[in-house]
């Protein structure tokens, strides 16, 4: 696939879920212009990382908050995206006991409370 030949909707459809629930990264990428260099996955990954790194603190916080909790409510209820379900299953998080889920819940809550200070 030649990225520089794709329109905005196609770029967002293709790359918009790389940062989960944060298609704004792909939107900014497109607005900055797509070149043949972006067909190199390493170059593209670095460009997208740079977009996130140079975004406002509020946008970074929104990105972090958009990512589902590990073994959290969405996982328990079966409402994760296909990619997140696969990621969490590959880490064995779909096999947690009730006690382990409770511990993850506690840790997720602590993480959420401290998220702003992490930036």
N, C-alpha and C. Protein backbone atom coordinates (compact mmCIF):
# COMPACT_ATOMS: atom_id res chain seq x y z
N UNK A 1 0.84 -1.17 0.00
CA UNK A 1 0.00 0.00 0.00
C UNK A 1 0.89 1.24 0.00
N UNK A 2 0.55 2.19 -0.81
CA UNK A 2 1.31 3.43 -0.93
C UNK A 2 0.55 4.52 -0.17
N UNK A 3 1.05 4.87 1.00
CA UNK A 3 0.32 5.78 1.89
C UNK A 3 0.07 7.15 1.28
N UNK A 4 1.04 7.67 0.54
CA UNK A 4 0.89 9.03 0.01
C UNK A 4 -0.22 9.15 -1.03
N UNK A 5 -0.75 8.02 -1.49
CA UNK A 5 -1.85 8.05 -2.46
C UNK A 5 -3.23 7.96 -1.78
N UNK A 6 -3.24 7.78 -0.47
CA UNK A 6 -4.50 7.63 0.24
C UNK A 6 -5.06 8.99 0.64
N UNK A 7 -6.39 9.08 0.69
CA UNK A 7 -7.02 10.32 1.15
C UNK A 7 -7.11 10.31 2.68
N UNK A 8 -7.60 11.40 3.24
CA UNK A 8 -7.65 11.54 4.70
C UNK A 8 -8.46 10.42 5.35
N UNK A 9 -9.63 10.13 4.82
CA UNK A 9 -10.47 9.09 5.42
C UNK A 9 -9.77 7.73 5.40
N UNK A 10 -9.07 7.44 4.32
CA UNK A 10 -8.35 6.16 4.21
C UNK A 10 -7.19 6.09 5.20
N UNK A 11 -6.47 7.20 5.36
CA UNK A 11 -5.36 7.25 6.32
C UNK A 11 -5.89 7.03 7.73
N UNK A 12 -6.96 7.72 8.06
CA UNK A 12 -7.53 7.60 9.41
C UNK A 12 -8.07 6.19 9.63
N UNK A 13 -8.69 5.61 8.62
CA UNK A 13 -9.20 4.24 8.73
C UNK A 13 -8.05 3.26 8.93
N UNK A 14 -6.95 3.46 8.22
CA UNK A 14 -5.81 2.56 8.28
C UNK A 14 -4.97 2.75 9.54
N UNK A 15 -4.73 4.00 9.93
CA UNK A 15 -3.78 4.29 11.00
C UNK A 15 -4.42 4.83 12.28
N UNK A 16 -5.71 5.14 12.22
CA UNK A 16 -6.37 5.81 13.33
C UNK A 16 -6.46 5.02 14.62
N UNK A 17 -6.32 3.72 14.55
CA UNK A 17 -6.42 2.92 15.78
C UNK A 17 -5.06 2.50 16.33
N UNK A 18 -3.98 2.99 15.73
CA UNK A 18 -2.65 2.65 16.25
C UNK A 18 -2.53 3.12 17.69
N UNK A 19 -2.96 4.34 17.95
CA UNK A 19 -3.10 4.84 19.32
C UNK A 19 -4.58 4.70 19.64
N UNK A 20 -4.90 3.71 20.45
CA UNK A 20 -6.29 3.29 20.66
C UNK A 20 -7.21 4.44 21.06
N UNK A 21 -8.33 4.52 20.34
CA UNK A 21 -9.35 5.55 20.56
C UNK A 21 -8.79 6.96 20.44
N UNK A 22 -7.74 7.12 19.64
CA UNK A 22 -7.10 8.43 19.47
C UNK A 22 -6.78 8.68 18.00
N UNK A 23 -7.81 8.73 17.14
CA UNK A 23 -7.56 8.94 15.71
C UNK A 23 -6.95 10.30 15.41
N UNK A 24 -6.94 11.20 16.40
CA UNK A 24 -6.37 12.53 16.18
C UNK A 24 -4.90 12.45 15.79
N UNK A 25 -4.20 11.39 16.20
CA UNK A 25 -2.79 11.25 15.82
C UNK A 25 -2.69 11.07 14.30
N UNK A 26 -3.52 10.21 13.74
CA UNK A 26 -3.53 10.00 12.28
C UNK A 26 -4.03 11.25 11.55
N UNK A 27 -4.98 11.96 12.16
CA UNK A 27 -5.49 13.19 11.54
C UNK A 27 -4.38 14.24 11.43
N UNK A 28 -3.61 14.40 12.50
CA UNK A 28 -2.49 15.35 12.47
C UNK A 28 -1.44 14.90 11.47
N UNK A 29 -1.15 13.61 11.46
CA UNK A 29 -0.19 13.06 10.50
C UNK A 29 -0.60 13.44 9.08
N UNK A 30 -1.87 13.23 8.75
CA UNK A 30 -2.34 13.55 7.41
C UNK A 30 -2.23 15.05 7.15
N UNK A 31 -2.60 15.86 8.13
CA UNK A 31 -2.56 17.31 7.93
C UNK A 31 -1.14 17.82 7.72
N UNK A 32 -0.16 17.10 8.24
CA UNK A 32 1.25 17.48 8.06
C UNK A 32 1.79 17.03 6.70
N UNK A 33 1.04 16.16 6.04
CA UNK A 33 1.44 15.67 4.72
C UNK A 33 2.06 14.29 4.79
N UNK A 34 1.62 13.43 3.89
CA UNK A 34 2.13 12.07 3.79
C UNK A 34 3.10 12.01 2.62
N UNK A 35 4.27 11.44 2.85
CA UNK A 35 5.27 11.31 1.79
C UNK A 35 5.65 9.84 1.61
N UNK A 36 6.45 9.57 0.62
CA UNK A 36 6.89 8.19 0.37
C UNK A 36 7.69 7.64 1.54
N UNK A 37 8.33 8.51 2.33
CA UNK A 37 9.09 8.04 3.50
C UNK A 37 8.17 7.36 4.52
N UNK A 38 6.91 7.75 4.54
CA UNK A 38 5.97 7.19 5.50
C UNK A 38 5.63 5.73 5.21
N UNK A 39 6.03 5.23 4.06
CA UNK A 39 5.81 3.82 3.74
C UNK A 39 6.77 2.92 4.52
N UNK A 40 7.81 3.52 5.10
CA UNK A 40 8.73 2.78 5.97
C UNK A 40 8.12 2.77 7.37
N UNK A 41 7.83 1.59 7.89
CA UNK A 41 7.11 1.48 9.16
C UNK A 41 7.86 2.14 10.31
N UNK A 42 9.17 2.05 10.32
CA UNK A 42 9.96 2.69 11.37
C UNK A 42 9.86 4.21 11.31
N UNK A 43 9.93 4.74 10.10
CA UNK A 43 9.81 6.19 9.91
C UNK A 43 8.43 6.66 10.33
N UNK A 44 7.41 5.92 9.90
CA UNK A 44 6.03 6.27 10.23
C UNK A 44 5.79 6.21 11.74
N UNK A 45 6.29 5.17 12.38
CA UNK A 45 6.13 5.03 13.84
C UNK A 45 6.78 6.20 14.56
N UNK A 46 7.96 6.60 14.11
CA UNK A 46 8.66 7.73 14.73
C UNK A 46 7.89 9.03 14.53
N UNK A 47 7.34 9.22 13.34
CA UNK A 47 6.54 10.43 13.09
C UNK A 47 5.32 10.49 13.99
N UNK A 48 4.64 9.37 14.12
CA UNK A 48 3.43 9.34 14.96
C UNK A 48 3.80 9.54 16.43
N UNK A 49 4.91 8.96 16.86
CA UNK A 49 5.38 9.15 18.23
C UNK A 49 5.70 10.62 18.47
N UNK A 50 6.33 11.26 17.51
CA UNK A 50 6.68 12.68 17.63
C UNK A 50 5.42 13.54 17.75
N UNK A 51 4.37 13.17 17.02
CA UNK A 51 3.10 13.89 17.11
C UNK A 51 2.57 13.82 18.54
N UNK A 52 2.60 12.63 19.12
CA UNK A 52 2.14 12.47 20.50
C UNK A 52 3.06 13.24 21.45
N UNK A 53 4.36 13.07 21.28
CA UNK A 53 5.32 13.72 22.18
C UNK A 53 5.19 15.24 22.19
N UNK A 54 4.83 15.82 21.06
CA UNK A 54 4.74 17.28 20.96
C UNK A 54 3.32 17.80 21.17
N UNK A 55 2.40 16.91 21.47
CA UNK A 55 1.01 17.33 21.70
C UNK A 55 0.90 17.97 23.08
N UNK A 56 -0.21 18.62 23.32
CA UNK A 56 -0.43 19.29 24.61
C UNK A 56 -0.57 18.25 25.72
N UNK A 57 -0.36 18.70 26.93
CA UNK A 57 -0.52 17.81 28.09
C UNK A 57 -1.95 17.26 28.13
N UNK A 58 -2.91 18.09 27.78
CA UNK A 58 -4.31 17.65 27.78
C UNK A 58 -4.54 16.53 26.77
N UNK A 59 -3.95 16.67 25.58
CA UNK A 59 -4.12 15.63 24.56
C UNK A 59 -3.43 14.33 24.99
N UNK A 60 -2.26 14.44 25.60
CA UNK A 60 -1.57 13.25 26.10
C UNK A 60 -2.40 12.57 27.19
N UNK A 61 -2.95 13.36 28.08
CA UNK A 61 -3.79 12.81 29.15
C UNK A 61 -5.01 12.11 28.56
N UNK A 62 -5.64 12.74 27.57
CA UNK A 62 -6.79 12.11 26.91
C UNK A 62 -6.41 10.80 26.24
N UNK A 63 -5.22 10.76 25.63
CA UNK A 63 -4.75 9.54 24.98
C UNK A 63 -4.57 8.43 26.02
N UNK A 64 -3.94 8.76 27.14
CA UNK A 64 -3.74 7.76 28.18
C UNK A 64 -5.06 7.29 28.78
N UNK A 65 -5.99 8.21 28.96
CA UNK A 65 -7.29 7.85 29.53
C UNK A 65 -8.13 7.04 28.55
N UNK A 66 -7.87 7.19 27.26
CA UNK A 66 -8.64 6.46 26.25
C UNK A 66 -8.25 4.99 26.19
N UNK A 67 -7.04 4.68 26.64
CA UNK A 67 -6.58 3.29 26.58
C UNK A 67 -7.29 2.48 27.67
N UNK A 68 -7.80 1.31 27.32
CA UNK A 68 -8.53 0.51 28.31
C UNK A 68 -7.62 0.02 29.44
N UNK A 69 -8.22 -0.12 30.61
CA UNK A 69 -7.50 -0.64 31.77
C UNK A 69 -7.12 -2.09 31.52
N UNK A 70 -6.01 -2.51 32.11
CA UNK A 70 -5.63 -3.91 32.04
C UNK A 70 -6.57 -4.72 32.93
N UNK A 71 -7.15 -5.74 32.35
CA UNK A 71 -8.10 -6.60 33.07
C UNK A 71 -9.15 -5.77 33.79
N UNK A 72 -9.60 -4.71 33.14
CA UNK A 72 -10.57 -3.80 33.73
C UNK A 72 -12.00 -4.13 33.37
N UNK A 73 -12.88 -3.16 33.60
CA UNK A 73 -14.32 -3.36 33.39
C UNK A 73 -14.65 -3.75 31.95
N UNK A 74 -13.98 -3.12 30.98
CA UNK A 74 -14.26 -3.45 29.58
C UNK A 74 -13.87 -4.88 29.26
N UNK A 75 -12.76 -5.33 29.82
CA UNK A 75 -12.32 -6.71 29.59
C UNK A 75 -13.30 -7.70 30.21
N UNK A 76 -13.72 -7.40 31.42
CA UNK A 76 -14.64 -8.30 32.13
C UNK A 76 -15.98 -8.39 31.41
N UNK A 77 -16.44 -7.24 30.89
CA UNK A 77 -17.74 -7.22 30.21
C UNK A 77 -17.66 -7.64 28.74
N UNK A 78 -16.44 -7.88 28.23
CA UNK A 78 -16.27 -8.29 26.84
C UNK A 78 -16.41 -7.16 25.85
N UNK A 79 -16.14 -5.93 26.28
CA UNK A 79 -16.32 -4.77 25.41
C UNK A 79 -15.01 -4.12 24.95
N UNK A 80 -13.92 -4.86 24.97
CA UNK A 80 -12.66 -4.35 24.44
C UNK A 80 -12.66 -4.41 22.92
N UNK A 81 -11.80 -3.59 22.30
CA UNK A 81 -11.62 -3.73 20.86
C UNK A 81 -10.97 -5.07 20.58
N UNK A 82 -11.03 -5.49 19.34
CA UNK A 82 -10.42 -6.76 18.93
C UNK A 82 -8.93 -6.78 19.27
N UNK A 83 -8.24 -5.66 18.98
CA UNK A 83 -6.80 -5.59 19.25
C UNK A 83 -6.51 -5.67 20.75
N UNK A 84 -7.27 -4.94 21.56
CA UNK A 84 -7.05 -4.98 23.01
C UNK A 84 -7.35 -6.35 23.59
N UNK A 85 -8.39 -6.99 23.08
CA UNK A 85 -8.72 -8.33 23.54
C UNK A 85 -7.56 -9.28 23.27
N UNK A 86 -6.99 -9.19 22.06
CA UNK A 86 -5.86 -10.05 21.70
C UNK A 86 -4.63 -9.73 22.56
N UNK A 87 -4.37 -8.44 22.77
CA UNK A 87 -3.22 -8.04 23.60
C UNK A 87 -3.35 -8.58 25.02
N UNK A 88 -4.52 -8.38 25.60
CA UNK A 88 -4.70 -8.81 26.99
C UNK A 88 -4.70 -10.34 27.10
N UNK A 89 -5.24 -11.01 26.10
CA UNK A 89 -5.23 -12.48 26.11
C UNK A 89 -3.80 -13.00 25.96
N UNK A 90 -2.99 -12.34 25.12
CA UNK A 90 -1.61 -12.80 24.93
C UNK A 90 -0.79 -12.64 26.20
N UNK A 91 -1.21 -11.74 27.08
CA UNK A 91 -0.54 -11.55 28.37
C UNK A 91 -1.18 -12.42 29.46
N UNK A 92 -2.18 -13.21 29.09
CA UNK A 92 -2.84 -14.09 30.05
C UNK A 92 -3.84 -13.40 30.95
N UNK A 93 -4.18 -12.14 30.62
CA UNK A 93 -5.09 -11.40 31.49
C UNK A 93 -6.53 -11.89 31.40
N UNK A 94 -6.83 -12.67 30.38
CA UNK A 94 -8.17 -13.24 30.27
C UNK A 94 -8.33 -14.47 31.16
N UNK A 95 -7.26 -14.88 31.82
CA UNK A 95 -7.27 -16.07 32.68
C UNK A 95 -7.18 -15.72 34.17
N UNK A 96 -7.35 -14.44 34.51
CA UNK A 96 -7.21 -14.00 35.90
C UNK A 96 -8.30 -14.58 36.79
N UNK A 97 -7.91 -14.86 38.02
CA UNK A 97 -8.89 -15.28 39.04
C UNK A 97 -9.64 -14.04 39.54
N UNK A 98 -10.68 -14.25 40.34
CA UNK A 98 -11.41 -13.12 40.92
C UNK A 98 -10.48 -12.25 41.76
N UNK A 99 -9.59 -12.89 42.50
CA UNK A 99 -8.65 -12.15 43.33
C UNK A 99 -7.70 -11.31 42.47
N UNK A 100 -7.24 -11.89 41.38
CA UNK A 100 -6.34 -11.14 40.48
C UNK A 100 -7.07 -9.97 39.82
N UNK A 101 -8.31 -10.20 39.41
CA UNK A 101 -9.10 -9.10 38.85
C UNK A 101 -9.28 -7.99 39.88
N UNK A 102 -9.51 -8.37 41.14
CA UNK A 102 -9.67 -7.37 42.20
C UNK A 102 -8.38 -6.57 42.37
N UNK A 103 -7.24 -7.24 42.32
CA UNK A 103 -5.95 -6.54 42.43
C UNK A 103 -5.74 -5.60 41.24
N UNK A 104 -6.06 -6.06 40.04
CA UNK A 104 -5.95 -5.19 38.86
C UNK A 104 -6.87 -3.98 39.01
N UNK A 105 -8.07 -4.20 39.54
CA UNK A 105 -9.01 -3.10 39.74
C UNK A 105 -8.41 -2.06 40.68
N UNK A 106 -7.81 -2.53 41.76
CA UNK A 106 -7.17 -1.62 42.73
C UNK A 106 -6.02 -0.86 42.06
N UNK A 107 -5.19 -1.56 41.33
CA UNK A 107 -4.05 -0.92 40.66
C UNK A 107 -4.50 0.05 39.57
N UNK A 108 -5.55 -0.33 38.83
CA UNK A 108 -6.08 0.58 37.81
C UNK A 108 -6.58 1.87 38.44
N UNK A 109 -7.23 1.76 39.58
CA UNK A 109 -7.74 2.94 40.28
C UNK A 109 -6.59 3.84 40.73
N UNK A 110 -5.54 3.24 41.29
CA UNK A 110 -4.36 4.01 41.71
C UNK A 110 -3.72 4.70 40.51
N UNK A 111 -3.59 3.97 39.41
CA UNK A 111 -2.99 4.54 38.20
C UNK A 111 -3.81 5.73 37.71
N UNK A 112 -5.13 5.58 37.67
CA UNK A 112 -6.00 6.65 37.20
C UNK A 112 -5.89 7.88 38.09
N UNK A 113 -5.82 7.68 39.40
CA UNK A 113 -5.69 8.80 40.33
C UNK A 113 -4.38 9.55 40.12
N UNK A 114 -3.33 8.82 39.76
CA UNK A 114 -2.00 9.42 39.63
C UNK A 114 -1.62 9.79 38.20
N UNK A 115 -2.53 9.60 37.27
CA UNK A 115 -2.23 9.80 35.86
C UNK A 115 -1.72 11.20 35.55
N UNK A 116 -2.32 12.21 36.10
CA UNK A 116 -1.92 13.59 35.81
C UNK A 116 -0.48 13.83 36.23
N UNK A 117 -0.07 13.26 37.35
CA UNK A 117 1.30 13.49 37.82
C UNK A 117 2.33 12.74 36.99
N UNK A 118 1.91 11.75 36.23
CA UNK A 118 2.84 11.00 35.38
C UNK A 118 3.33 11.81 34.20
N UNK A 119 2.54 12.79 33.78
CA UNK A 119 2.92 13.61 32.64
C UNK A 119 3.93 14.62 33.09
